[in-house]
Amino acid sequence: MPIKNSTTCVIGDIHGCHTSLTLLLQKVLHRANTFVFLGDYVDRGPNSKAVVATILSLQKNHEHVIALRGNHDLLFLQHLTGEDSSLFLQVGGRQTLASYGLSPTADRAEIDRIIPPEHLAFLENLPLFWEDQYAIYVHAGLQPGRHLSQQTPQWCLWAREQFIHTTYEFGKPVVFGHTVFSEPLLTPNRFGIDTGAVYGGRLTALLLPQRELISVRGESVNF
């Protein structure tokens, strides 16, 4: 059930930028009742393990913390469970594995020994979307004309222009990450808040219903 008179804080793609996440949380933890993370906790940045650990800690200490699945989180999970990981390694997975003390060639036994069980469970149970009284939240986008309950992982995790440029109304604004903007995209029905933290941009949070933006400097990473 939605919390009456509440504030929802939505946080964009973190990509292993734990220092930025820590700074942003200092600015927003006292401002909201509900926290929604839009996915892509891992890859490219220097400390994916610490990002996952911080979100798990928040979930233990705050009643309303929703962490959604991003495409990079899915790729990491697929690597850990033995599926094809070539794309994962191409798009920042090596940095993720390094944060856990793993090499790209680590075998199943080493992965099982090193990856904390709670981190694996976290990755396995991330939902594709969430909804409250203010908006619908998703990593990448939604398929126009399709009911929320019928949305597919392909759209929720990978959508770009077809979602961003549609005029379809989903009944509420849709808050999303995945596509990097130099400044947040704020239209009447689309809020894009991935501002490229891992590319030297900023890590951005959006407070609803105020539509207030709070951001901190990202982390310039060589990859």
Protein backbone atom coordinates (compact mmCIF):
# COMPACT_ATOMS: atom_id res chain seq x y z
CA MET A 1 0.00 0.00 0.00
CA PRO A 2 1.33 3.47 -0.82
CA ILE A 3 2.30 5.64 2.13
CA LYS A 4 0.07 8.69 2.44
CA ASN A 5 1.84 12.05 2.43
CA SER A 6 5.10 10.35 1.57
CA THR A 7 8.07 11.30 -0.56
CA THR A 8 9.61 8.84 -3.01
CA CYS A 9 13.30 9.17 -3.82
CA VAL A 10 14.36 7.59 -7.13
CA ILE A 11 18.06 7.01 -7.84
CA GLY A 12 19.50 6.52 -11.31
CA ASP A 13 22.16 4.15 -12.65
CA ILE A 14 25.06 3.75 -10.20
CA HIS A 15 27.40 1.40 -12.12
CA GLY A 16 29.79 0.68 -9.28
CA CYS A 17 30.23 4.34 -8.27
CA HIS A 18 30.05 3.68 -4.56
CA THR A 19 31.64 6.95 -3.49
CA SER A 20 29.01 8.88 -5.42
CA LEU A 21 26.22 6.72 -3.99
CA THR A 22 27.44 7.36 -0.43
CA LEU A 23 27.49 11.12 -1.01
CA LEU A 24 24.04 11.10 -2.59
CA LEU A 25 22.50 9.05 0.20
CA GLN A 26 23.79 11.58 2.72
CA LYS A 27 21.71 14.19 0.92
CA VAL A 28 18.47 12.22 0.53
CA LEU A 29 18.05 9.68 3.34
CA HIS A 30 16.30 12.22 5.55
CA ARG A 31 14.15 13.51 2.69
CA ALA A 32 12.07 10.46 1.72
CA ASN A 33 10.00 7.57 3.05
CA THR A 34 10.43 5.34 0.02
CA PHE A 35 13.57 4.72 -2.04
CA VAL A 36 13.54 3.28 -5.56
CA PHE A 37 16.74 2.27 -7.34
CA LEU A 38 16.42 1.99 -11.12
CA GLY A 39 19.02 -0.75 -11.64
CA ASP A 40 22.52 -1.09 -13.10
CA TYR A 41 24.27 -1.31 -9.75
CA VAL A 42 27.26 -3.06 -11.32
CA ASP A 43 29.78 -2.85 -14.19
CA ARG A 44 32.27 -0.24 -15.38
CA GLY A 45 32.69 1.53 -12.03
CA PRO A 46 35.27 0.65 -9.37
CA ASN A 47 33.20 -0.89 -6.57
CA SER A 48 30.10 -2.78 -7.63
CA LYS A 49 30.34 -5.09 -4.62
CA ALA A 50 30.11 -2.15 -2.20
CA VAL A 51 27.13 -0.71 -4.09
CA VAL A 52 25.20 -3.97 -3.75
CA ALA A 53 26.19 -4.24 -0.07
CA THR A 54 24.99 -0.68 0.61
CA ILE A 55 21.60 -1.27 -1.01
CA LEU A 56 21.19 -4.53 0.93
CA SER A 57 21.96 -2.64 4.13
CA LEU A 58 19.37 0.00 3.24
CA GLN A 59 16.77 -2.71 2.66
CA LYS A 60 17.46 -4.11 6.12
CA ASN A 61 17.25 -0.72 7.84
CA HIS A 62 14.44 0.99 5.91
CA GLU A 63 10.97 -0.43 5.38
CA HIS A 64 10.45 0.82 1.82
CA VAL A 65 13.51 0.25 -0.38
CA ILE A 66 12.80 -1.10 -3.87
CA ALA A 67 15.70 -2.14 -6.08
CA LEU A 68 14.77 -2.80 -9.72
CA ARG A 69 16.66 -4.92 -12.24
CA GLY A 70 18.90 -3.31 -14.84
CA ASN A 71 20.34 -4.96 -17.91
CA HIS A 72 23.84 -5.00 -16.39
CA ASP A 73 22.53 -6.69 -13.25
CA LEU A 74 20.99 -9.39 -15.43
CA LEU A 75 24.26 -9.88 -17.33
CA PHE A 76 26.14 -10.26 -14.04
CA LEU A 77 23.61 -12.81 -12.80
CA GLN A 78 23.90 -14.77 -16.04
CA HIS A 79 27.68 -14.86 -15.66
CA LEU A 80 27.41 -16.11 -12.09
CA THR A 81 24.98 -18.85 -13.08
CA GLY A 82 27.09 -20.12 -15.96
CA GLU A 83 25.30 -18.61 -18.94
CA ASP A 84 27.12 -16.96 -21.84
CA SER A 85 29.07 -14.05 -20.38
CA SER A 86 30.84 -12.61 -23.42
CA LEU A 87 28.68 -9.46 -23.46
CA PHE A 88 29.04 -9.05 -19.69
CA LEU A 89 32.82 -8.97 -19.99
CA GLN A 90 32.67 -6.50 -22.88
CA VAL A 91 30.49 -3.93 -21.06
CA GLY A 92 32.27 -3.55 -17.73
CA GLY A 93 31.93 -6.97 -16.17
CA ARG A 94 35.67 -7.27 -15.57
CA GLN A 95 35.50 -4.34 -13.15
CA THR A 96 32.57 -5.95 -11.38
CA LEU A 97 34.39 -9.24 -10.95
CA ALA A 98 37.52 -7.42 -9.73
CA SER A 99 35.49 -5.71 -6.99
CA TYR A 100 34.62 -9.20 -5.70
CA GLY A 101 38.19 -10.45 -6.06
CA LEU A 102 37.36 -12.67 -9.03
CA SER A 103 39.02 -13.06 -12.42
CA PRO A 104 37.03 -13.52 -15.64
CA THR A 105 38.25 -17.12 -15.77
CA ALA A 106 37.20 -18.06 -12.23
CA ASP A 107 35.55 -21.48 -12.15
CA ARG A 108 32.22 -22.39 -10.64
CA ALA A 109 33.71 -23.48 -7.31
CA GLU A 110 35.56 -20.19 -6.87
CA ILE A 111 32.50 -18.14 -7.80
CA ASP A 112 30.37 -20.06 -5.30
CA ARG A 113 33.01 -19.52 -2.61
CA ILE A 114 33.55 -15.79 -3.23
CA ILE A 115 30.11 -14.34 -4.08
CA PRO A 116 28.12 -13.72 -0.88
CA PRO A 117 24.85 -15.70 -0.97
CA GLU A 118 22.85 -12.57 -0.15
CA HIS A 119 24.34 -10.81 -3.19
CA LEU A 120 23.32 -13.67 -5.46
CA ALA A 121 19.81 -13.71 -3.95
CA PHE A 122 19.61 -9.94 -4.45
CA LEU A 123 20.42 -10.28 -8.16
CA GLU A 124 18.01 -13.18 -8.61
CA ASN A 125 15.02 -11.39 -7.08
CA LEU A 126 15.16 -7.90 -8.60
CA PRO A 127 11.75 -6.93 -10.07
CA LEU A 128 11.40 -5.39 -13.53
CA PHE A 129 9.23 -2.45 -12.46
CA TRP A 130 7.41 -0.88 -9.54
CA GLU A 131 4.53 1.55 -9.18
CA ASP A 132 3.28 3.92 -6.51
CA GLN A 133 0.85 6.84 -6.41
CA TYR A 134 3.32 9.13 -8.19
CA ALA A 135 4.79 7.16 -11.07
CA ILE A 136 5.82 3.89 -12.68
CA TYR A 137 9.50 3.03 -12.24
CA VAL A 138 11.51 0.89 -14.66
CA HIS A 139 15.15 0.60 -15.72
CA ALA A 140 14.89 1.29 -19.45
CA GLY A 141 11.30 1.71 -20.62
CA LEU A 142 7.89 0.24 -21.30
CA GLN A 143 6.24 -1.03 -24.46
CA PRO A 144 3.54 1.40 -25.63
CA GLY A 145 0.03 -0.01 -25.69
CA ARG A 146 0.86 -2.95 -23.46
CA HIS A 147 -0.51 -3.35 -19.93
CA LEU A 148 2.04 -3.04 -17.16
CA SER A 149 1.50 -6.65 -16.13
CA GLN A 150 2.38 -7.79 -19.67
CA GLN A 151 5.64 -5.87 -20.05
CA THR A 152 8.63 -7.97 -21.10
CA PRO A 153 12.24 -8.03 -19.86
CA GLN A 154 13.40 -6.96 -23.33
CA TRP A 155 11.52 -3.67 -23.05
CA CYS A 156 12.03 -3.09 -19.32
CA LEU A 157 15.79 -3.68 -19.50
CA TRP A 158 16.84 -2.58 -22.99
CA ALA A 159 14.32 -0.08 -24.47
CA ARG A 160 15.55 3.26 -25.75
CA GLU A 161 14.17 5.52 -28.51
CA GLN A 162 10.93 3.61 -29.14
CA PHE A 163 9.96 4.22 -25.53
CA ILE A 164 11.47 7.67 -25.04
CA HIS A 165 9.84 9.19 -28.12
CA THR A 166 6.41 7.55 -27.90
CA THR A 167 3.42 9.76 -27.17
CA TYR A 168 1.60 6.87 -25.48
CA GLU A 169 0.29 7.67 -22.01
CA PHE A 170 0.84 4.95 -19.41
CA GLY A 171 -1.53 6.57 -16.90
CA LYS A 172 1.29 7.96 -14.77
CA PRO A 173 4.71 9.44 -15.47
CA VAL A 174 7.39 6.81 -16.11
CA VAL A 175 10.73 7.27 -14.33
CA PHE A 176 13.61 5.46 -16.02
CA GLY A 177 17.37 5.18 -16.31
CA HIS A 178 19.50 3.27 -18.85
CA THR A 179 19.75 6.06 -21.44
CA VAL A 180 22.31 8.67 -20.44
CA PHE A 181 21.33 12.34 -20.55
CA SER A 182 23.68 15.24 -19.85
CA GLU A 183 20.80 16.75 -17.85
CA PRO A 184 17.76 14.87 -16.55
CA LEU A 185 14.93 14.51 -19.04
CA LEU A 186 11.78 15.94 -17.43
CA THR A 187 8.66 15.91 -19.59
CA PRO A 188 5.02 15.66 -18.46
CA ASN A 189 5.10 11.86 -18.77
CA ARG A 190 8.81 10.82 -18.91
CA PHE A 191 11.55 11.37 -16.32
CA GLY A 192 14.97 10.10 -17.43
CA ILE A 193 17.51 10.38 -14.62
CA ASP A 194 20.60 8.48 -15.76
CA THR A 195 23.09 11.34 -15.92
CA GLY A 196 26.20 9.26 -16.57
CA ALA A 197 27.79 8.92 -13.13
CA VAL A 198 30.29 6.34 -14.36
CA TYR A 199 31.23 8.51 -17.36
CA GLY A 200 32.29 11.46 -15.22
CA GLY A 201 28.78 12.92 -15.20
CA ARG A 202 26.54 12.95 -12.14
CA LEU A 203 24.55 10.51 -10.03
CA THR A 204 21.03 11.87 -9.79
CA ALA A 205 18.07 11.40 -7.48
CA LEU A 206 14.52 12.58 -8.13
CA LEU A 207 12.14 13.37 -5.27
CA LEU A 208 8.45 12.86 -5.96
CA PRO A 209 5.90 14.38 -5.91
CA GLN A 210 8.04 17.53 -5.64
CA ARG A 211 9.98 16.74 -8.85
CA GLU A 212 13.08 18.00 -7.08
CA LEU A 213 16.45 16.89 -8.45
CA ILE A 214 19.48 16.23 -6.26
CA SER A 215 22.79 15.09 -7.71
CA VAL A 216 26.42 14.54 -6.86
CA ARG A 217 29.53 14.26 -8.96
CA GLY A 218 30.15 10.93 -10.64
CA GLU A 219 33.42 9.06 -10.82
CA SER A 220 35.67 9.37 -13.87
CA VAL A 221 36.64 5.81 -14.70
CA ASN A 222 39.00 4.44 -17.32
CA PHE A 223 37.53 1.32 -18.93
